[in-house]
Protein backbone atom coordinates (compact mmCIF):
# COMPACT_ATOMS: atom_id res chain seq x y z
CA UNK A 1 -8.09 26.99 16.03
CA UNK A 2 -10.66 25.11 18.02
CA UNK A 3 -9.71 24.17 21.39
CA UNK A 4 -10.79 20.75 22.34
CA UNK A 5 -8.90 20.35 25.66
CA UNK A 6 -5.70 18.28 26.61
CA UNK A 7 -4.95 15.45 24.58
CA UNK A 8 -3.59 13.50 27.69
CA UNK A 9 -6.99 13.11 28.82
CA UNK A 10 -7.58 10.52 26.15
CA UNK A 11 -5.98 7.07 25.29
CA UNK A 12 -4.43 7.37 21.72
CA UNK A 13 -6.23 6.38 18.84
CA UNK A 14 -3.83 5.30 15.95
CA UNK A 15 -4.52 5.46 12.38
CA UNK A 16 -4.23 1.81 11.57
CA UNK A 17 -2.53 -0.06 14.46
CA UNK A 18 -2.33 -4.06 14.11
CA UNK A 19 -4.92 -6.26 15.41
CA UNK A 20 -3.68 -9.17 16.96
CA UNK A 21 -4.86 -11.52 19.74
CA UNK A 22 -4.16 -14.88 21.31
CA UNK A 23 -4.16 -16.74 17.98
CA UNK A 24 -1.02 -14.78 16.99
CA UNK A 25 0.48 -15.72 20.13
CA UNK A 26 -0.24 -19.30 19.77
CA UNK A 27 1.18 -19.29 16.31
CA UNK A 28 4.41 -17.79 17.42
CA UNK A 29 4.61 -20.37 20.20
CA UNK A 30 4.18 -23.10 17.61
CA UNK A 31 6.94 -21.70 15.39
CA UNK A 32 9.17 -21.78 18.58
CA UNK A 33 8.17 -25.49 19.46
CA UNK A 34 8.99 -26.39 15.82
CA UNK A 35 12.76 -25.35 16.32
CA UNK A 36 12.77 -23.03 13.22
CA UNK A 37 13.36 -19.66 15.30
CA UNK A 38 15.53 -17.47 12.94
CA UNK A 39 15.84 -19.35 9.57
CA UNK A 40 13.36 -20.08 6.69
CA UNK A 41 11.07 -22.85 7.75
CA UNK A 42 7.82 -24.68 7.34
CA UNK A 43 5.63 -21.36 8.48
CA UNK A 44 7.13 -19.58 5.69
CA UNK A 45 6.48 -22.28 3.38
CA UNK A 46 2.87 -22.35 4.38
CA UNK A 47 2.51 -18.63 4.34
CA UNK A 48 3.73 -18.22 0.69
CA UNK A 49 1.20 -21.14 -0.46
CA UNK A 50 -1.59 -19.31 1.21
CA UNK A 51 -0.39 -16.00 -0.35
CA UNK A 52 -0.07 -17.44 -3.80
CA UNK A 53 -3.64 -18.69 -3.43
CA UNK A 54 -4.96 -15.31 -2.20
CA UNK A 55 -3.35 -13.57 -5.06
CA UNK A 56 -4.57 -16.01 -7.67
CA UNK A 57 -0.83 -16.67 -8.50
CA UNK A 58 1.18 -19.78 -8.93
CA UNK A 59 4.03 -18.61 -6.63
CA UNK A 60 4.85 -16.40 -3.72
CA UNK A 61 8.10 -15.37 -2.10
CA UNK A 62 7.78 -13.89 1.49
CA UNK A 63 10.30 -11.15 2.15
CA UNK A 64 11.45 -8.47 4.90
CA UNK A 65 9.33 -5.71 3.48
CA UNK A 66 7.16 -4.52 0.57
CA UNK A 67 10.12 -2.25 -0.46
CA UNK A 68 12.28 -5.23 -0.46
CA UNK A 69 9.77 -7.04 -2.78
CA UNK A 70 9.92 -4.16 -5.22
CA UNK A 71 13.61 -4.02 -5.06
CA UNK A 72 13.90 -7.64 -5.85
CA UNK A 73 11.65 -7.68 -8.71
CA UNK A 74 13.68 -4.74 -10.30
CA UNK A 75 16.84 -6.75 -9.50
CA UNK A 76 15.30 -9.51 -11.47
CA UNK A 77 14.36 -7.39 -14.38
CA UNK A 78 17.78 -5.77 -14.72
CA UNK A 79 16.37 -2.24 -13.78
CA UNK A 80 19.25 0.28 -14.03
CA UNK A 81 20.27 3.78 -15.60
CA UNK A 82 19.08 2.37 -18.95
CA UNK A 83 15.47 1.90 -17.72
CA UNK A 84 12.57 4.40 -17.36
CA UNK A 85 10.16 3.75 -14.47
CA UNK A 86 6.76 5.29 -14.89
CA UNK A 87 4.52 5.55 -11.71
CA UNK A 88 1.63 7.24 -10.33
CA UNK A 89 2.83 10.55 -8.71
CA UNK A 90 0.13 9.77 -5.65
CA UNK A 91 2.03 7.22 -3.98
CA UNK A 92 4.42 6.16 -1.04
CA UNK A 93 8.12 6.60 -1.50
CA UNK A 94 8.44 2.80 -1.53
CA UNK A 95 7.09 2.55 -5.15
CA UNK A 96 9.88 4.38 -6.59
CA UNK A 97 12.68 4.59 -4.14
CA UNK A 98 14.19 1.29 -5.41
CA UNK A 99 14.27 2.77 -9.17
CA UNK A 100 16.03 5.84 -7.69
CA UNK A 101 18.68 3.84 -6.18
CA UNK A 102 19.24 1.86 -9.43
CA UNK A 103 19.75 4.75 -11.16
CA UNK A 104 16.52 4.56 -13.56
CA UNK A 105 14.79 7.62 -15.05
CA UNK A 106 11.66 8.46 -13.22
CA UNK A 107 8.48 9.71 -14.75
CA UNK A 108 5.22 10.39 -12.91
CA UNK A 109 1.58 10.40 -14.03
CA UNK A 110 -1.15 12.26 -12.32
CA UNK A 111 -4.26 10.63 -10.68
CA UNK A 112 -8.00 10.30 -11.89
CA UNK A 113 -10.69 11.39 -9.47
CA UNK A 114 -10.63 8.09 -7.51
CA UNK A 115 -6.93 8.48 -6.77
CA UNK A 116 -5.71 5.69 -9.17
CA UNK A 117 -3.22 6.55 -12.14
CA UNK A 118 -4.83 8.37 -14.94
CA UNK A 119 -4.87 5.94 -17.65
CA UNK A 120 -5.16 8.35 -20.45
CA UNK A 121 -2.15 10.40 -19.03
CA UNK A 122 -0.09 7.01 -18.93
CA UNK A 123 -0.98 6.35 -22.53
CA UNK A 124 0.53 9.72 -23.48
CA UNK A 125 3.62 9.16 -21.31
CA UNK A 126 4.19 5.78 -23.05
CA UNK A 127 3.59 7.10 -26.40
CA UNK A 128 6.18 10.05 -25.78
CA UNK A 129 8.79 7.42 -24.50
CA UNK A 130 8.18 6.01 -27.94
CA UNK A 131 9.99 2.42 -27.11
CA UNK A 132 13.34 4.18 -26.15
CA UNK A 133 15.01 1.88 -23.80
CA UNK A 134 13.41 -0.57 -21.46
CA UNK A 135 10.18 0.60 -19.57
CA UNK A 136 8.67 -0.51 -16.16
CA UNK A 137 5.25 0.76 -15.30
CA UNK A 138 4.36 0.47 -11.50
CA UNK A 139 0.77 0.52 -10.94
CA UNK A 140 -0.41 1.58 -7.45
CA UNK A 141 -3.48 0.16 -5.58
CA UNK A 142 -3.65 3.17 -3.76
CA UNK A 143 -5.25 2.96 0.15
CA UNK A 144 -6.61 -0.43 -0.93
CA UNK A 145 -8.28 0.47 -4.10
CA UNK A 146 -7.06 -1.50 -7.07
CA UNK A 147 -6.01 0.54 -10.21
CA UNK A 148 -7.42 -0.43 -13.60
CA UNK A 149 -5.52 -3.60 -14.15
CA UNK A 150 -7.14 -4.00 -17.52
CA UNK A 151 -6.26 -0.59 -18.91
CA UNK A 152 -2.54 -0.53 -17.55
CA UNK A 153 -2.03 -4.05 -19.06
CA UNK A 154 -3.49 -3.12 -22.53
CA UNK A 155 -1.15 0.00 -22.65
CA UNK A 156 2.06 -1.96 -21.51
CA UNK A 157 1.40 -4.69 -24.19
CA UNK A 158 1.02 -1.87 -26.73
CA UNK A 159 4.22 -0.12 -25.58
CA UNK A 160 6.34 -3.10 -24.74
CA UNK A 161 6.59 -2.04 -21.26
CA UNK A 162 6.87 -4.20 -18.21
CA UNK A 163 3.87 -3.98 -15.71
CA UNK A 164 4.42 -4.63 -12.01
CA UNK A 165 1.35 -4.19 -9.54
CA UNK A 166 2.25 -2.34 -6.14
CA UNK A 167 -0.59 -3.92 -4.04
CA UNK A 168 1.23 -3.01 -1.00
CA UNK A 169 -1.90 -1.42 0.59
CA UNK A 170 -4.43 -3.67 -1.02
CA UNK A 171 -4.10 -7.31 0.51
CA UNK A 172 -7.61 -8.68 0.37
CA UNK A 173 -9.00 -6.06 -2.38
CA UNK A 174 -10.35 -7.13 -5.63
CA UNK A 175 -10.47 -5.92 -9.19
CA UNK A 176 -13.46 -6.92 -11.21
CA UNK A 177 -13.68 -10.22 -9.19
CA UNK A 178 -9.83 -11.04 -9.28
CA UNK A 179 -7.54 -10.38 -6.34
CA UNK A 180 -5.41 -7.39 -6.05
CA UNK A 181 -1.74 -8.19 -7.14
CA UNK A 182 -2.98 -10.69 -9.76
CA UNK A 183 -1.71 -8.44 -12.80
CA UNK A 184 1.39 -7.91 -14.45
CA UNK A 185 4.65 -9.77 -14.42
CA UNK A 186 4.43 -9.71 -10.39
CA UNK A 187 2.35 -8.15 -7.62
CA UNK A 188 3.79 -6.67 -4.43
CA UNK A 189 2.31 -6.97 -0.77
CA UNK A 190 3.25 -5.24 2.27
CA UNK A 191 2.63 -6.69 5.83
CA UNK A 192 3.96 -3.56 7.84
CA UNK A 193 2.54 -2.91 11.11
CA UNK A 194 -0.26 -0.68 9.85
CA UNK A 195 -1.52 -2.81 6.85
CA UNK A 196 -4.67 -5.01 6.59
CA UNK A 197 -2.86 -7.84 8.00
CA UNK A 198 0.59 -7.69 9.41
CA UNK A 199 3.85 -9.67 10.14
CA UNK A 200 5.08 -6.98 12.36
CA UNK A 201 7.28 -6.19 9.35
CA UNK A 202 7.33 -7.89 5.85
CA UNK A 203 6.22 -8.24 2.36
CA UNK A 204 6.06 -10.69 -0.50
CA UNK A 205 6.29 -11.00 -4.27
CA UNK A 206 3.33 -12.99 -6.10
CA UNK A 207 3.82 -14.07 -9.73
CA UNK A 208 3.10 -16.75 -12.31
CA UNK A 209 6.51 -16.86 -13.49
CA UNK A 210 8.69 -19.75 -12.00
CA UNK A 211 11.86 -17.90 -13.21
CA UNK A 212 10.94 -14.83 -11.58
CA UNK A 213 9.92 -16.49 -8.09
CA UNK A 214 13.17 -18.65 -8.06
CA UNK A 215 15.47 -15.87 -8.94
CA UNK A 216 13.69 -13.57 -6.38
CA UNK A 217 14.08 -16.24 -3.79
CA UNK A 218 17.46 -16.83 -4.50
CA UNK A 219 18.56 -13.13 -4.61
CA UNK A 220 16.53 -12.49 -1.12
CA UNK A 221 19.00 -15.32 0.40
CA UNK A 222 22.40 -13.70 -0.59
CA UNK A 223 22.27 -15.51 -3.96
CA UNK A 224 23.91 -18.73 -2.58
CA UNK A 225 24.45 -21.24 -5.32
CA UNK A 226 23.30 -25.02 -4.55
CA UNK A 227 26.72 -26.01 -3.03
CA UNK A 228 27.70 -27.41 0.28
CA UNK A 229 29.97 -24.42 0.40
CA UNK A 230 29.03 -20.77 0.02
CA UNK A 231 29.18 -20.27 -3.53
CA UNK A 232 28.05 -16.91 -5.37
CA UNK A 233 27.83 -15.97 -9.06
CA UNK A 234 25.78 -12.84 -8.41
CA UNK A 235 25.63 -10.75 -5.28
CA UNK A 236 22.25 -10.98 -3.48
CA UNK A 237 20.54 -9.45 -0.46
CA UNK A 238 19.38 -10.32 2.97
CA UNK A 239 15.74 -10.09 2.38
CA UNK A 240 13.86 -13.17 3.35
CA UNK A 241 11.09 -13.27 5.93
CA UNK A 242 11.75 -15.06 9.13
CA UNK A 243 9.83 -18.11 10.23
CA UNK A 244 8.32 -16.42 13.34
CA UNK A 245 6.85 -13.49 11.33
CA UNK A 246 5.36 -16.14 8.78
CA UNK A 247 3.60 -17.53 11.62
CA UNK A 248 2.07 -14.44 12.72
CA UNK A 249 1.01 -13.90 8.88
CA UNK A 250 -0.94 -17.06 9.02
CA UNK A 251 -2.80 -16.26 11.87
CA UNK A 252 -3.63 -12.96 10.39
CA UNK A 253 -4.61 -14.50 7.13
CA UNK A 254 -7.05 -16.66 8.86
CA UNK A 255 -8.96 -13.39 10.13
CA UNK A 256 -8.72 -11.44 6.84
CA UNK A 257 -12.44 -11.93 6.09
CA UNK A 258 -13.59 -10.53 9.41
CA UNK A 259 -10.69 -7.82 9.31
CA UNK A 260 -12.29 -6.77 5.72
CA UNK A 261 -15.86 -6.67 7.23
CA UNK A 262 -14.82 -4.53 10.09
CA UNK A 263 -12.89 -2.11 8.04
CA UNK A 264 -15.91 -1.66 5.66
CA UNK A 265 -18.08 -0.89 8.42
CA UNK A 266 -15.67 1.78 9.75
CA UNK A 267 -15.73 3.31 6.23
CA UNK A 268 -19.39 3.13 6.30
CA UNK A 269 -19.69 4.80 9.70
CA UNK A 270 -17.58 7.66 8.18
CA UNK A 271 -19.91 8.15 4.94
CA UNK A 272 -23.12 7.91 6.72
CA UNK A 273 -21.94 10.46 9.53
CA UNK A 274 -20.25 12.70 7.32
CA UNK A 275 -20.92 12.07 3.62
CA UNK A 276 -24.58 13.39 3.48
CA UNK A 277 -25.34 17.07 2.79
CA UNK A 278 -25.38 19.17 5.88
CA UNK A 279 -23.78 16.54 7.90
CA UNK A 280 -20.20 18.05 8.08
CA UNK A 281 -17.28 19.34 6.33
CA UNK A 282 -16.05 16.22 4.56
CA UNK A 283 -16.62 14.38 1.20
CA UNK A 284 -15.04 11.29 0.13
CA UNK A 285 -13.07 9.59 -2.78
CA UNK A 286 -15.59 8.03 -4.93
CA UNK A 287 -16.03 4.23 -4.00
CA UNK A 288 -14.04 1.67 -6.00
CA UNK A 289 -15.63 -1.89 -6.14
CA UNK A 290 -13.57 -4.31 -4.47
CA UNK A 291 -11.70 -2.02 -2.16
CA UNK A 292 -10.23 -3.46 1.09
CA UNK A 293 -10.89 -0.11 3.07
CA UNK A 294 -7.54 0.10 4.49
CA UNK A 295 -7.75 3.78 5.19
CA UNK A 296 -10.73 6.06 4.68
CA UNK A 297 -9.72 9.20 2.71
CA UNK A 298 -11.94 12.22 3.26
CA UNK A 299 -11.77 15.50 1.40
CA UNK A 300 -12.30 18.69 3.25
CA UNK A 301 -13.48 21.91 1.28
CA UNK A 302 -10.12 23.42 1.76
CA UNK A 303 -6.57 22.91 2.69
CA UNK A 304 -7.11 25.26 5.81
CA UNK A 305 -10.06 23.15 6.98
CA UNK A 306 -8.07 20.03 6.32
CA UNK A 307 -5.38 21.32 8.72
CA UNK A 308 -8.04 22.42 11.45
CA UNK A 309 -9.63 18.90 11.22
CA UNK A 310 -6.22 17.21 11.81
CA UNK A 311 -5.50 19.59 14.52
CA UNK A 312 -8.83 19.04 16.27
CA UNK A 313 -8.40 15.15 16.15
CA UNK A 314 -4.75 15.61 17.55
CA UNK A 315 -6.40 17.63 20.53
CA UNK A 316 -8.32 14.60 21.17
CA UNK A 317 -5.32 12.40 20.87
CA UNK A 318 -6.52 10.91 17.67
CA UNK A 319 -3.94 10.39 14.69
CA UNK A 320 -5.03 11.40 11.25
CA UNK A 321 -2.57 12.37 8.48
CA UNK A 322 -2.91 14.15 4.97
CA UNK A 323 -2.76 11.75 1.81
CA UNK A 324 0.48 10.95 0.34
CA UNK A 325 2.39 14.11 -0.87
CA UNK A 326 2.94 13.52 -4.71
CA UNK A 327 6.28 12.30 -5.84
CA UNK A 328 6.57 15.14 -8.16
CA UNK A 329 6.24 17.74 -5.18
CA UNK A 330 8.95 15.84 -3.47
CA UNK A 331 12.43 17.96 -3.47
CA UNK A 332 14.39 14.84 -4.23
CA UNK A 333 12.48 14.28 -7.64
CA UNK A 334 12.12 17.98 -8.52
CA UNK A 335 13.76 17.28 -12.04
CA UNK A 336 11.63 14.42 -12.80
CA UNK A 337 8.86 14.68 -15.73
CA UNK A 338 5.19 14.68 -14.79
CA UNK A 339 2.20 14.31 -16.55
CA UNK A 340 -0.50 16.37 -15.27
CA UNK A 341 -0.33 16.95 -11.52
CA UNK A 342 -3.34 19.08 -10.68
CA UNK A 343 -5.63 16.22 -9.54
CA UNK A 344 -3.04 14.79 -6.92
CA UNK A 345 -1.89 18.29 -5.76
CA UNK A 346 -5.68 18.99 -5.12
CA UNK A 347 -5.98 15.38 -3.29
CA UNK A 348 -2.88 16.29 -1.12
CA UNK A 349 -4.01 19.76 -0.29
CA UNK A 350 -7.37 18.60 0.93
CA UNK A 351 -7.17 14.93 1.84
CA UNK A 352 -7.17 13.42 5.14
CA UNK A 353 -6.58 9.79 5.96
CA UNK A 354 -9.02 9.16 9.07
CA UNK A 355 -8.35 6.47 11.70
CA UNK A 356 -9.46 3.16 10.10
CA UNK A 357 -7.77 0.42 12.58
CA UNK A 358 -9.84 -2.94 12.66
CA UNK A 359 -10.03 -2.77 16.56
CA UNK A 360 -11.78 0.73 16.56
CA UNK A 361 -14.71 0.59 19.18
CA UNK A 362 -17.84 2.68 19.05
CA UNK A 363 -16.47 5.04 21.74
CA UNK A 364 -13.39 5.60 19.54
CA UNK A 365 -15.52 6.42 16.47
CA UNK A 366 -17.76 8.83 18.61
CA UNK A 367 -14.18 10.66 19.64
CA UNK A 368 -13.21 10.85 16.00
CA UNK A 369 -16.71 12.34 15.11
CA UNK A 370 -16.65 14.90 17.96
CA UNK A 371 -13.34 16.38 16.41
CA UNK A 372 -14.41 16.28 12.81
CA UNK A 373 -17.98 17.67 13.85
CA UNK A 374 -16.23 20.66 15.95
CA UNK A 375 -14.49 21.64 12.67
CA UNK A 376 -17.72 21.37 10.85
CA UNK A 377 -19.65 23.47 12.92
CA UNK A 378 -17.54 26.36 12.06
CA UNK A 379 -16.39 25.38 8.49
CA UNK A 380 -19.76 24.10 6.95
CA UNK A 381 -19.22 22.08 3.89
CA UNK A 382 -17.70 24.99 1.86
CA UNK A 383 -16.93 24.98 -1.62
């Protein structure tokens, strides 16, 4: 282990903290003045209109989290134990957690070299299912890098499966010039505190289906019927986004172009500093056109060196973390079928997410480089 000194010497550098300033404060104050503090209000409506435009969709429904957005879409579709949900194994739990709670059968598919779902393995999984029961494919835009919407859409049409794009990490990204979340019956956004833009906590469903948008909006508000009294013909949820949080989201959206520019500059720094022969122990996931650079993912030559990099950064009070642990390796999903698995397992064993927050300063990047370089001096680039 490389000794780096006490982490208490340094102010903490987080992986991807919120980037806010006076504009968010002014937006919240305006929402207070409007009188719409707790319930839905004009800022929610405005935020939804802006999100629909961002996604290239006709409708958007702002809700309490990206997980809630996924759950609501699955509720609209009627996902239950008769359904099979196919998802990339390299993803965050929220992609498949709602399906698990609904009793659906889960099938996991390995990644390709870029970290996205392997289309050839997805094709095999869908072929093996053979149209038995109802099937939902969750595409995931991993770390802000859009999966292959065209290939997934084609395979789902052929198999009669439903496609939902989990773009929780990909706000502002594009696929072949089209916005993240534009594909499938619905797209999912997250505005958690660590995302490209934040509402503190929140998410959204974006879609071209009026029926889906209307039903999701109704479900998110306890499925209340349009009556003077509280009338319920189905059981809903308390999943709606508050007006105050939507006001923060509007301020954040106004800064999205500058946020994307800064995130790319941070990613470029890492690639320039460590991505050249002899420059350190790291390589990187291959670039994907249109990515939003939410988190820069580096690959160490070995799991041992990956752990040393994380430890060296921690000693400098810098947060980093491994990439998502594949779902098929999670104990709770031990009995689920997986197609492939070796690529995602390798990415998990060697991958490290580097600090990518929009507010990173030059001195912060220098400290991060110091920690990574200290390991590189011992480890070289390895195999």
